[in-house]
Amino acid sequence: MPLNSDIVNSSTLVFDLEPNYRLEPLKISDARSLNKLMIRNGRLFQQFLPVTLAENLTEEKSRNYIAKKIKQSENFEAITLGIKKLDKGTIAGLIILKEINKEKKEAELAYCIGRKYGGMGLVTKSVIEFSNFLLLQTNLKTINILIHKSNIKSIQVAKKSGFNWKGTLENEFRAPGGLMLDMELYQRNK
């Protein structure tokens, strides 16, 4: 399937993770839950997701964030999926496909999970399901994950999801406060 918006306009981007969790595109009705996730985990997300956190500090900002992400999905500029607890409709985490390069047929994957939901394997299952879909059902050839070496849990997710370490990218990420950080590149190929 060509790398385009057709894949996000269908039910193909819904993945059952466990009996009570699903990975699916965000909806405007998820704004309150997304805002709560960001506020409750602000310190956890501040270092490596500062922009996403800043865009979700109020329920109104979360509505705007989701509307923007829906439009980006329609234009295949980025895809943002929520890890949703089905019985309450709670957003437990996010999986974000970004930096989509149609010419190189590669993209970057980012993810986060609320502290309350960590250790359940939800992010690993989400990354496996979504990256399998992307590599098998689109013409993406490479998916990258950039991780700071101090983020051990994120490195474990990448490795368990079939991503391999490719090297260190120097001064790749600007942390809050302006400090440039080296990031580790993990990659999965078709």
N, C-alpha and C. Protein backbone atom coordinates (compact mmCIF):
# COMPACT_ATOMS: atom_id res chain seq x y z
N MET A 1 0.85 -1.18 0.00
CA MET A 1 0.00 0.00 0.00
C MET A 1 0.90 1.24 0.00
N PRO A 2 0.61 2.20 -0.85
CA PRO A 2 1.42 3.42 -0.85
C PRO A 2 1.37 4.12 0.49
N LEU A 3 2.41 4.86 0.75
CA LEU A 3 2.52 5.62 1.99
C LEU A 3 1.69 6.88 1.83
N ASN A 4 0.44 6.85 2.29
CA ASN A 4 -0.43 8.02 2.14
C ASN A 4 -1.52 8.00 3.20
N SER A 5 -2.40 8.96 3.11
CA SER A 5 -3.43 9.12 4.13
C SER A 5 -4.50 8.04 4.10
N ASP A 6 -4.56 7.22 3.06
CA ASP A 6 -5.58 6.17 3.00
C ASP A 6 -5.51 5.25 4.21
N ILE A 7 -4.31 5.03 4.74
CA ILE A 7 -4.19 4.10 5.86
C ILE A 7 -4.77 4.66 7.16
N VAL A 8 -4.91 5.98 7.25
CA VAL A 8 -5.45 6.54 8.49
C VAL A 8 -6.93 6.88 8.40
N ASN A 9 -7.52 6.68 7.25
CA ASN A 9 -8.94 6.96 7.08
C ASN A 9 -9.78 5.70 7.18
N SER A 10 -9.23 4.66 7.74
CA SER A 10 -9.96 3.41 7.85
C SER A 10 -9.78 2.82 9.23
N SER A 11 -10.39 1.69 9.45
CA SER A 11 -10.30 1.04 10.75
C SER A 11 -9.01 0.22 10.88
N THR A 12 -8.12 0.32 9.90
CA THR A 12 -6.89 -0.48 9.93
C THR A 12 -5.94 -0.04 11.04
N LEU A 13 -6.13 1.13 11.61
CA LEU A 13 -5.24 1.61 12.66
C LEU A 13 -5.80 1.39 14.06
N VAL A 14 -6.54 0.34 14.22
CA VAL A 14 -7.04 -0.06 15.54
C VAL A 14 -6.45 -1.42 15.86
N PHE A 15 -5.74 -1.48 16.99
CA PHE A 15 -5.05 -2.71 17.37
C PHE A 15 -5.45 -3.10 18.79
N ASP A 16 -5.98 -4.30 18.96
CA ASP A 16 -6.29 -4.80 20.30
C ASP A 16 -4.99 -5.23 20.96
N LEU A 17 -4.74 -4.71 22.15
CA LEU A 17 -3.50 -5.01 22.86
C LEU A 17 -3.69 -6.08 23.91
N GLU A 18 -4.76 -5.99 24.63
CA GLU A 18 -5.14 -6.92 25.68
C GLU A 18 -6.66 -6.86 25.74
N PRO A 19 -7.27 -7.71 26.55
CA PRO A 19 -8.74 -7.66 26.60
C PRO A 19 -9.30 -6.26 26.90
N ASN A 20 -8.59 -5.44 27.65
CA ASN A 20 -9.15 -4.16 28.05
C ASN A 20 -8.38 -2.95 27.52
N TYR A 21 -7.46 -3.15 26.57
CA TYR A 21 -6.68 -2.04 26.03
C TYR A 21 -6.65 -2.11 24.51
N ARG A 22 -6.67 -0.94 23.89
CA ARG A 22 -6.63 -0.85 22.45
C ARG A 22 -5.76 0.33 22.04
N LEU A 23 -5.06 0.18 20.92
CA LEU A 23 -4.31 1.27 20.30
C LEU A 23 -5.15 1.78 19.15
N GLU A 24 -5.47 3.09 19.17
CA GLU A 24 -6.34 3.64 18.13
C GLU A 24 -6.11 5.13 17.97
N PRO A 25 -6.53 5.69 16.83
CA PRO A 25 -6.38 7.14 16.63
C PRO A 25 -7.12 7.93 17.71
N LEU A 26 -6.52 9.05 18.10
CA LEU A 26 -7.17 9.93 19.08
C LEU A 26 -8.40 10.57 18.47
N LYS A 27 -9.40 10.81 19.33
CA LYS A 27 -10.63 11.50 18.94
C LYS A 27 -10.75 12.74 19.83
N ILE A 28 -11.48 13.74 19.36
CA ILE A 28 -11.68 14.96 20.15
C ILE A 28 -12.24 14.62 21.53
N SER A 29 -13.07 13.60 21.61
CA SER A 29 -13.66 13.21 22.90
C SER A 29 -12.62 12.67 23.88
N ASP A 30 -11.39 12.41 23.43
CA ASP A 30 -10.31 11.95 24.31
C ASP A 30 -9.58 13.09 24.99
N ALA A 31 -9.96 14.34 24.73
CA ALA A 31 -9.20 15.50 25.22
C ALA A 31 -9.06 15.52 26.73
N ARG A 32 -10.13 15.31 27.46
CA ARG A 32 -10.06 15.36 28.92
C ARG A 32 -9.10 14.29 29.45
N SER A 33 -9.19 13.09 28.93
CA SER A 33 -8.33 12.00 29.37
C SER A 33 -6.87 12.25 29.01
N LEU A 34 -6.62 12.78 27.81
CA LEU A 34 -5.25 13.10 27.41
C LEU A 34 -4.67 14.18 28.30
N ASN A 35 -5.45 15.20 28.58
CA ASN A 35 -4.99 16.26 29.47
C ASN A 35 -4.64 15.71 30.85
N LYS A 36 -5.47 14.84 31.39
CA LYS A 36 -5.18 14.24 32.69
C LYS A 36 -3.90 13.41 32.66
N LEU A 37 -3.70 12.66 31.59
CA LEU A 37 -2.47 11.87 31.44
C LEU A 37 -1.25 12.79 31.49
N MET A 38 -1.29 13.87 30.74
CA MET A 38 -0.15 14.78 30.68
C MET A 38 0.09 15.48 32.02
N ILE A 39 -0.96 15.94 32.66
CA ILE A 39 -0.82 16.65 33.94
C ILE A 39 -0.30 15.70 35.03
N ARG A 40 -0.87 14.53 35.11
CA ARG A 40 -0.47 13.56 36.14
C ARG A 40 0.95 13.04 35.95
N ASN A 41 1.47 13.13 34.74
CA ASN A 41 2.80 12.60 34.43
C ASN A 41 3.74 13.68 33.90
N GLY A 42 3.44 14.93 34.24
CA GLY A 42 4.21 16.06 33.73
C GLY A 42 5.70 15.95 33.94
N ARG A 43 6.11 15.61 35.14
CA ARG A 43 7.55 15.50 35.41
C ARG A 43 8.19 14.39 34.59
N LEU A 44 7.47 13.29 34.44
CA LEU A 44 7.96 12.16 33.67
C LEU A 44 8.14 12.52 32.19
N PHE A 45 7.19 13.28 31.63
CA PHE A 45 7.20 13.61 30.21
C PHE A 45 8.01 14.88 29.89
N GLN A 46 8.32 15.68 30.88
CA GLN A 46 8.96 16.98 30.64
C GLN A 46 10.29 16.88 29.90
N GLN A 47 11.12 15.93 30.25
CA GLN A 47 12.46 15.89 29.67
C GLN A 47 12.47 15.53 28.18
N PHE A 48 11.68 14.54 27.78
CA PHE A 48 11.78 14.07 26.40
C PHE A 48 10.53 14.30 25.54
N LEU A 49 9.46 14.80 26.14
CA LEU A 49 8.26 15.16 25.38
C LEU A 49 7.77 16.56 25.77
N PRO A 50 8.68 17.53 25.83
CA PRO A 50 8.27 18.85 26.32
C PRO A 50 7.24 19.55 25.45
N VAL A 51 7.31 19.36 24.14
CA VAL A 51 6.36 20.02 23.25
C VAL A 51 4.97 19.39 23.40
N THR A 52 4.93 18.06 23.41
CA THR A 52 3.65 17.37 23.59
C THR A 52 3.02 17.75 24.92
N LEU A 53 3.83 17.79 25.97
CA LEU A 53 3.33 18.18 27.29
C LEU A 53 2.78 19.61 27.25
N ALA A 54 3.53 20.54 26.69
CA ALA A 54 3.11 21.95 26.63
C ALA A 54 1.81 22.12 25.86
N GLU A 55 1.59 21.27 24.85
CA GLU A 55 0.39 21.37 24.02
C GLU A 55 -0.83 20.72 24.67
N ASN A 56 -0.66 20.18 25.88
CA ASN A 56 -1.77 19.47 26.54
C ASN A 56 -1.95 19.88 28.00
N LEU A 57 -1.60 21.10 28.35
CA LEU A 57 -1.67 21.53 29.75
C LEU A 57 -3.07 21.89 30.22
N THR A 58 -3.99 22.06 29.30
CA THR A 58 -5.40 22.27 29.65
C THR A 58 -6.24 21.37 28.75
N GLU A 59 -7.49 21.18 29.14
CA GLU A 59 -8.38 20.37 28.31
C GLU A 59 -8.59 21.02 26.94
N GLU A 60 -8.71 22.34 26.91
CA GLU A 60 -8.87 23.05 25.64
C GLU A 60 -7.65 22.86 24.75
N LYS A 61 -6.45 22.95 25.34
CA LYS A 61 -5.23 22.71 24.56
C LYS A 61 -5.19 21.28 24.04
N SER A 62 -5.67 20.34 24.83
CA SER A 62 -5.71 18.95 24.37
C SER A 62 -6.67 18.77 23.21
N ARG A 63 -7.81 19.46 23.24
CA ARG A 63 -8.74 19.42 22.10
C ARG A 63 -8.05 19.95 20.84
N ASN A 64 -7.34 21.07 20.99
CA ASN A 64 -6.62 21.66 19.85
C ASN A 64 -5.51 20.73 19.36
N TYR A 65 -4.81 20.10 20.30
CA TYR A 65 -3.74 19.16 19.96
C TYR A 65 -4.31 17.99 19.14
N ILE A 66 -5.41 17.43 19.61
CA ILE A 66 -6.02 16.30 18.91
C ILE A 66 -6.52 16.72 17.54
N ALA A 67 -7.14 17.87 17.44
CA ALA A 67 -7.61 18.36 16.13
C ALA A 67 -6.44 18.51 15.17
N LYS A 68 -5.33 19.05 15.67
CA LYS A 68 -4.13 19.20 14.85
C LYS A 68 -3.59 17.83 14.42
N LYS A 69 -3.59 16.86 15.34
CA LYS A 69 -3.08 15.53 15.04
C LYS A 69 -3.97 14.80 14.04
N ILE A 70 -5.28 15.01 14.12
CA ILE A 70 -6.20 14.43 13.13
C ILE A 70 -5.89 14.98 11.75
N LYS A 71 -5.69 16.29 11.66
CA LYS A 71 -5.37 16.92 10.37
C LYS A 71 -4.02 16.41 9.85
N GLN A 72 -3.02 16.28 10.74
CA GLN A 72 -1.72 15.74 10.32
C GLN A 72 -1.86 14.32 9.80
N SER A 73 -2.71 13.53 10.43
CA SER A 73 -2.94 12.16 9.96
C SER A 73 -3.57 12.16 8.58
N GLU A 74 -4.56 13.03 8.38
CA GLU A 74 -5.23 13.11 7.08
C GLU A 74 -4.25 13.49 5.98
N ASN A 75 -3.26 14.31 6.31
CA ASN A 75 -2.25 14.75 5.34
C ASN A 75 -1.01 13.86 5.34
N PHE A 76 -1.03 12.82 6.14
CA PHE A 76 0.08 11.90 6.36
C PHE A 76 1.38 12.63 6.69
N GLU A 77 1.26 13.59 7.60
CA GLU A 77 2.44 14.30 8.12
C GLU A 77 2.89 13.66 9.43
N ALA A 78 1.98 13.07 10.15
CA ALA A 78 2.24 12.39 11.42
C ALA A 78 1.00 11.57 11.75
N ILE A 79 1.18 10.55 12.59
CA ILE A 79 0.05 9.75 13.07
C ILE A 79 0.21 9.62 14.57
N THR A 80 -0.82 10.03 15.32
CA THR A 80 -0.79 9.92 16.77
C THR A 80 -1.90 8.99 17.22
N LEU A 81 -1.50 7.92 17.89
CA LEU A 81 -2.45 6.93 18.39
C LEU A 81 -2.44 6.95 19.91
N GLY A 82 -3.58 6.69 20.48
CA GLY A 82 -3.69 6.59 21.93
C GLY A 82 -3.77 5.14 22.37
N ILE A 83 -3.11 4.84 23.47
CA ILE A 83 -3.28 3.54 24.13
C ILE A 83 -4.45 3.75 25.07
N LYS A 84 -5.57 3.10 24.78
CA LYS A 84 -6.81 3.40 25.51
C LYS A 84 -7.27 2.22 26.35
N LYS A 85 -7.60 2.53 27.60
CA LYS A 85 -8.22 1.55 28.49
C LYS A 85 -9.70 1.56 28.15
N LEU A 86 -10.21 0.45 27.67
CA LEU A 86 -11.55 0.43 27.08
C LEU A 86 -12.68 0.63 28.06
N ASP A 87 -12.60 0.06 29.25
CA ASP A 87 -13.75 0.13 30.16
C ASP A 87 -14.06 1.56 30.61
N LYS A 88 -13.04 2.43 30.64
CA LYS A 88 -13.26 3.80 31.07
C LYS A 88 -12.94 4.82 29.99
N GLY A 89 -12.39 4.36 28.87
CA GLY A 89 -12.01 5.29 27.80
C GLY A 89 -10.80 6.14 28.14
N THR A 90 -10.02 5.70 29.09
CA THR A 90 -8.87 6.46 29.57
C THR A 90 -7.69 6.30 28.64
N ILE A 91 -7.03 7.42 28.31
CA ILE A 91 -5.80 7.38 27.53
C ILE A 91 -4.64 7.07 28.49
N ALA A 92 -3.99 5.94 28.26
CA ALA A 92 -2.89 5.49 29.12
C ALA A 92 -1.53 5.92 28.57
N GLY A 93 -1.46 6.16 27.26
CA GLY A 93 -0.19 6.54 26.64
C GLY A 93 -0.40 6.93 25.18
N LEU A 94 0.69 7.30 24.53
CA LEU A 94 0.66 7.71 23.13
C LEU A 94 1.74 6.99 22.33
N ILE A 95 1.44 6.73 21.08
CA ILE A 95 2.41 6.24 20.10
C ILE A 95 2.33 7.24 18.94
N ILE A 96 3.46 7.85 18.60
CA ILE A 96 3.47 8.93 17.61
C ILE A 96 4.44 8.58 16.47
N LEU A 97 3.92 8.55 15.26
CA LEU A 97 4.75 8.41 14.08
C LEU A 97 4.96 9.82 13.53
N LYS A 98 6.22 10.23 13.38
CA LYS A 98 6.53 11.59 12.96
C LYS A 98 7.75 11.57 12.04
N GLU A 99 8.16 12.76 11.62
CA GLU A 99 9.33 12.87 10.73
C GLU A 99 9.20 11.90 9.55
N ILE A 100 8.01 11.85 8.97
CA ILE A 100 7.75 10.94 7.84
C ILE A 100 8.44 11.50 6.59
N ASN A 101 9.34 10.71 6.04
CA ASN A 101 10.06 11.08 4.83
C ASN A 101 9.63 10.13 3.72
N LYS A 102 8.75 10.61 2.85
CA LYS A 102 8.19 9.77 1.80
C LYS A 102 9.23 9.36 0.77
N GLU A 103 10.21 10.23 0.52
CA GLU A 103 11.24 9.90 -0.46
C GLU A 103 12.15 8.78 0.06
N LYS A 104 12.60 8.91 1.29
CA LYS A 104 13.48 7.89 1.89
C LYS A 104 12.69 6.69 2.40
N LYS A 105 11.37 6.84 2.47
CA LYS A 105 10.49 5.79 2.98
C LYS A 105 10.85 5.39 4.41
N GLU A 106 11.03 6.43 5.24
CA GLU A 106 11.33 6.19 6.64
C GLU A 106 10.59 7.20 7.51
N ALA A 107 10.48 6.86 8.79
CA ALA A 107 9.79 7.72 9.74
C ALA A 107 10.35 7.44 11.14
N GLU A 108 9.99 8.32 12.07
CA GLU A 108 10.43 8.17 13.46
C GLU A 108 9.23 7.84 14.34
N LEU A 109 9.44 6.97 15.29
CA LEU A 109 8.40 6.58 16.24
C LEU A 109 8.78 7.09 17.63
N ALA A 110 7.82 7.68 18.31
CA ALA A 110 8.00 8.13 19.69
C ALA A 110 6.85 7.58 20.52
N TYR A 111 7.06 7.46 21.82
CA TYR A 111 6.02 6.89 22.67
C TYR A 111 6.17 7.35 24.11
N CYS A 112 5.04 7.27 24.82
CA CYS A 112 5.03 7.56 26.25
C CYS A 112 3.90 6.77 26.89
N ILE A 113 4.04 6.54 28.18
CA ILE A 113 3.00 5.82 28.94
C ILE A 113 2.90 6.46 30.32
N GLY A 114 1.70 6.55 30.84
CA GLY A 114 1.52 7.08 32.18
C GLY A 114 2.14 6.14 33.21
N ARG A 115 2.66 6.73 34.26
CA ARG A 115 3.31 5.97 35.33
C ARG A 115 2.44 4.82 35.82
N LYS A 116 1.15 5.08 35.95
CA LYS A 116 0.18 4.10 36.45
C LYS A 116 0.09 2.85 35.57
N TYR A 117 0.43 3.00 34.28
CA TYR A 117 0.27 1.91 33.32
C TYR A 117 1.60 1.28 32.91
N GLY A 118 2.70 1.78 33.45
CA GLY A 118 4.01 1.25 33.12
C GLY A 118 4.18 -0.18 33.62
N GLY A 119 5.04 -0.93 32.96
CA GLY A 119 5.35 -2.29 33.38
C GLY A 119 4.33 -3.33 32.95
N MET A 120 3.32 -2.91 32.18
CA MET A 120 2.29 -3.85 31.73
C MET A 120 2.56 -4.37 30.32
N GLY A 121 3.59 -3.85 29.67
CA GLY A 121 3.91 -4.26 28.31
C GLY A 121 3.08 -3.57 27.24
N LEU A 122 2.30 -2.57 27.62
CA LEU A 122 1.40 -1.92 26.66
C LEU A 122 2.16 -1.16 25.57
N VAL A 123 3.24 -0.48 25.94
CA VAL A 123 4.01 0.26 24.94
C VAL A 123 4.70 -0.72 23.99
N THR A 124 5.32 -1.75 24.55
CA THR A 124 6.00 -2.74 23.71
C THR A 124 5.01 -3.37 22.73
N LYS A 125 3.85 -3.78 23.21
CA LYS A 125 2.84 -4.38 22.33
C LYS A 125 2.39 -3.37 21.27
N SER A 126 2.22 -2.12 21.67
CA SER A 126 1.80 -1.08 20.72
C SER A 126 2.86 -0.84 19.65
N VAL A 127 4.12 -0.75 20.06
CA VAL A 127 5.20 -0.52 19.09
C VAL A 127 5.31 -1.70 18.14
N ILE A 128 5.21 -2.91 18.65
CA ILE A 128 5.27 -4.10 17.79
C ILE A 128 4.12 -4.09 16.78
N GLU A 129 2.90 -3.91 17.25
CA GLU A 129 1.72 -3.94 16.36
C GLU A 129 1.78 -2.84 15.30
N PHE A 130 2.09 -1.62 15.74
CA PHE A 130 2.09 -0.49 14.81
C PHE A 130 3.25 -0.58 13.82
N SER A 131 4.44 -0.92 14.30
CA SER A 131 5.58 -1.02 13.38
C SER A 131 5.41 -2.20 12.42
N ASN A 132 4.85 -3.33 12.88
CA ASN A 132 4.55 -4.44 11.97
C ASN A 132 3.60 -3.96 10.86
N PHE A 133 2.54 -3.28 11.27
CA PHE A 133 1.59 -2.76 10.29
C PHE A 133 2.28 -1.84 9.28
N LEU A 134 3.07 -0.89 9.79
CA LEU A 134 3.72 0.08 8.91
C LEU A 134 4.68 -0.58 7.92
N LEU A 135 5.44 -1.56 8.40
CA LEU A 135 6.43 -2.21 7.53
C LEU A 135 5.80 -3.22 6.57
N LEU A 136 4.67 -3.80 6.96
CA LEU A 136 4.03 -4.80 6.10
C LEU A 136 2.95 -4.21 5.19
N GLN A 137 2.28 -3.16 5.63
CA GLN A 137 1.12 -2.65 4.89
C GLN A 137 1.35 -1.31 4.19
N THR A 138 2.50 -0.70 4.38
CA THR A 138 2.82 0.56 3.68
C THR A 138 4.16 0.37 2.98
N ASN A 139 4.60 1.38 2.28
CA ASN A 139 5.91 1.25 1.65
C ASN A 139 7.03 1.87 2.49
N LEU A 140 6.78 2.11 3.76
CA LEU A 140 7.88 2.51 4.65
C LEU A 140 8.88 1.36 4.70
N LYS A 141 10.15 1.71 4.64
CA LYS A 141 11.20 0.69 4.71
C LYS A 141 11.95 0.73 6.03
N THR A 142 11.95 1.88 6.71
CA THR A 142 12.72 2.04 7.94
C THR A 142 11.92 2.84 8.96
N ILE A 143 11.93 2.37 10.20
CA ILE A 143 11.34 3.11 11.31
C ILE A 143 12.46 3.34 12.32
N ASN A 144 12.61 4.60 12.73
CA ASN A 144 13.65 4.98 13.68
C ASN A 144 13.03 5.33 15.02
N ILE A 145 13.76 5.03 16.09
CA ILE A 145 13.41 5.49 17.43
C ILE A 145 14.66 6.15 17.99
N LEU A 146 14.53 7.40 18.46
CA LEU A 146 15.64 8.12 19.07
C LEU A 146 15.43 8.14 20.58
N ILE A 147 16.45 7.69 21.32
CA ILE A 147 16.32 7.54 22.77
C ILE A 147 17.59 8.06 23.44
N HIS A 148 17.41 8.81 24.52
CA HIS A 148 18.58 9.20 25.32
C HIS A 148 19.05 7.98 26.12
N LYS A 149 20.35 7.85 26.24
CA LYS A 149 20.93 6.66 26.90
C LYS A 149 20.47 6.49 28.35
N SER A 150 19.99 7.56 28.98
CA SER A 150 19.52 7.46 30.36
C SER A 150 18.11 6.88 30.46
N ASN A 151 17.40 6.79 29.34
CA ASN A 151 16.02 6.31 29.33
C ASN A 151 16.00 4.79 29.12
N ILE A 152 16.39 4.08 30.15
CA ILE A 152 16.57 2.62 30.09
C ILE A 152 15.28 1.91 29.70
N LYS A 153 14.15 2.32 30.26
CA LYS A 153 12.87 1.66 29.94
C LYS A 153 12.53 1.80 28.46
N SER A 154 12.79 2.97 27.89
CA SER A 154 12.51 3.17 26.48
C SER A 154 13.44 2.33 25.61
N ILE A 155 14.68 2.20 26.02
CA ILE A 155 15.62 1.34 25.29
C ILE A 155 15.13 -0.11 25.32
N GLN A 156 14.64 -0.55 26.48
CA GLN A 156 14.11 -1.91 26.59
C GLN A 156 12.92 -2.12 25.66
N VAL A 157 12.04 -1.13 25.57
CA VAL A 157 10.90 -1.22 24.67
C VAL A 157 11.38 -1.39 23.23
N ALA A 158 12.33 -0.56 22.82
CA ALA A 158 12.84 -0.63 21.45
C ALA A 158 13.43 -2.01 21.15
N LYS A 159 14.25 -2.52 22.05
CA LYS A 159 14.89 -3.82 21.84
C LYS A 159 13.86 -4.95 21.80
N LYS A 160 12.91 -4.94 22.74
CA LYS A 160 11.87 -5.98 22.78
C LYS A 160 10.96 -5.92 21.55
N SER A 161 10.91 -4.76 20.90
CA SER A 161 10.05 -4.56 19.73
C SER A 161 10.77 -4.84 18.42
N GLY A 162 11.99 -5.35 18.50
CA GLY A 162 12.71 -5.74 17.30
C GLY A 162 13.56 -4.65 16.67
N PHE A 163 13.78 -3.55 17.38
CA PHE A 163 14.63 -2.47 16.88
C PHE A 163 16.08 -2.74 17.30
N ASN A 164 17.01 -2.41 16.41
CA ASN A 164 18.43 -2.62 16.67
C ASN A 164 19.15 -1.29 16.80
N TRP A 165 20.12 -1.24 17.70
CA TRP A 165 20.92 -0.04 17.89
C TRP A 165 21.80 0.18 16.66
N LYS A 166 21.79 1.41 16.14
CA LYS A 166 22.58 1.72 14.94
C LYS A 166 23.71 2.70 15.20
N GLY A 167 23.64 3.45 16.31
CA GLY A 167 24.70 4.40 16.61
C GLY A 167 24.19 5.56 17.44
N THR A 168 25.11 6.47 17.75
CA THR A 168 24.81 7.66 18.54
C THR A 168 24.75 8.86 17.62
N LEU A 169 23.69 9.64 17.72
CA LEU A 169 23.53 10.88 16.97
C LEU A 169 23.90 12.03 17.90
N GLU A 170 24.98 12.69 17.60
CA GLU A 170 25.48 13.76 18.48
C GLU A 170 24.62 15.01 18.36
N ASN A 171 24.36 15.64 19.52
CA ASN A 171 23.62 16.90 19.59
C ASN A 171 22.31 16.86 18.80
N GLU A 172 21.58 15.79 18.94
CA GLU A 172 20.37 15.55 18.14
C GLU A 172 19.10 16.15 18.75
N PHE A 173 19.08 16.32 20.07
CA PHE A 173 17.84 16.72 20.75
C PHE A 173 18.12 17.90 21.67
N ARG A 174 17.26 18.92 21.58
CA ARG A 174 17.39 20.08 22.47
C ARG A 174 16.44 19.87 23.66
N ALA A 175 17.02 19.65 24.82
CA ALA A 175 16.25 19.44 26.04
C ALA A 175 15.73 20.78 26.56
N PRO A 176 14.70 20.74 27.42
CA PRO A 176 14.26 21.97 28.05
C PRO A 176 15.45 22.67 28.70
N GLY A 177 15.57 23.96 28.49
CA GLY A 177 16.72 24.70 28.99
C GLY A 177 17.78 24.89 27.94
N GLY A 178 17.63 24.24 26.78
CA GLY A 178 18.52 24.47 25.67
C GLY A 178 19.70 23.53 25.52
N LEU A 179 19.94 22.66 26.48
CA LEU A 179 21.06 21.74 26.41
C LEU A 179 20.87 20.75 25.26
N MET A 180 21.90 20.61 24.43
CA MET A 180 21.84 19.65 23.33
C MET A 180 22.29 18.29 23.83
N LEU A 181 21.50 17.26 23.51
CA LEU A 181 21.78 15.91 23.98
C LEU A 181 22.06 14.97 22.82
N ASP A 182 22.97 14.03 23.04
CA ASP A 182 23.18 12.95 22.09
C ASP A 182 22.03 11.97 22.25
N MET A 183 21.62 11.37 21.15
CA MET A 183 20.53 10.40 21.19
C MET A 183 21.00 9.11 20.53
N GLU A 184 20.50 8.00 21.05
CA GLU A 184 20.81 6.69 20.50
C GLU A 184 19.78 6.37 19.43
N LEU A 185 20.25 5.91 18.27
CA LEU A 185 19.38 5.58 17.17
C LEU A 185 19.11 4.07 17.16
N TYR A 186 17.83 3.73 17.29
CA TYR A 186 17.39 2.33 17.14
C TYR A 186 16.55 2.28 15.87
N GLN A 187 16.69 1.17 15.14
CA GLN A 187 16.08 1.11 13.82
C GLN A 187 15.50 -0.28 13.55
N ARG A 188 14.39 -0.27 12.84
CA ARG A 188 13.81 -1.52 12.36
C ARG A 188 13.54 -1.35 10.87
N ASN A 189 13.94 -2.34 10.08
CA ASN A 189 13.82 -2.26 8.63
C ASN A 189 12.91 -3.35 8.09
N LYS A 190 12.37 -3.07 6.91
CA LYS A 190 11.51 -4.02 6.21
C LYS A 190 12.31 -5.25 5.84
